[in-house]
Every structure is written in C-alpha cells, then in structure tokens.
Amino acid sequence: MATPFTLKNLRDVEDSAQKFGIGEIQEARFAKDELGAEQTGFSHHRVKPGKRQAFGHRHERCEEVYVVLSGSGRAKLEEEIVELGALDAIRVAPGVTRAFQAGPEGLELLAFGPRADGDGEVLPGWWSN
C-alpha cells in the first residue's frame, strides 16, 4: 500500500526562478510533483522587496487561490490593481491575467488550485508600467 501522505519542506523544492534567470526578482518553488499531487497545483513564491514579477500569467480552465504569508504588495488582475497584506487570500478566476509586485519588505505567497497540465499561458512583460 502506498503512503497516504507526502511531507516536503518547501525550502527543499527547486527554485524555478533561479533556473530561468529571474532569481534577482523572486523565488518560485512549484511543489506539486515533489508532493506527488495528482489533482492539486501548489507553489510558493517570494517576490523580492520592490520587485515585480517578470511576467503575467493566466489559466484557461483553472481558478487559483493565493495567500499572502508575509510582507505586502499589489496584484494586477487584468486592469485592476489590489493591495495585499499578510494573510490576505485572493481567488483568481479562469481567464484572468495576473502578476504580483512586492512592497518594501517583500511579498511571500502560496498559490494553489486544481492541477491541469497545459492549462497556463505566460505573458512576458505584461505589467510593464
């Protein structure tokens, strides 16, 4: 019988931001595979103080929920910008383009939603000003 749970410290998950050359902006750790999640996507993000994510993204079919663990910042959701602080949770519907910007102390987020391979579009430079 397979183990009914998986325990993984997020600091032990590969930092994809470093891997893709945007480590000066943020950390991004996508843990779904390391946790063995079959139906849930899960990631941990740290946007460095005063930095904005290098790209926006959206999903065609999946909604996501983001929870601010620490720090503060802003989220751009299509053309609307909302302020975020510790323990704020924001649900983003399918089709909505989003990106995050950290405040002066940085922004640490958890993101989760249903897992659907191939359901995502990256938009470089989407929030450029």
Foldseek 3Di string as FASTA:
>chain_A
DDDPWADDDQVPADFVCVVVVNVVFKTKGWCCVVRVPDWKTKMKMWGAAQHKDQWKKFFQQKKKKKFWQAAWWWKCWPNDIDTDGHGDMDIHGGPIIMIIGGHRHITIMMMMITDDPPGMDIGGCPPVD
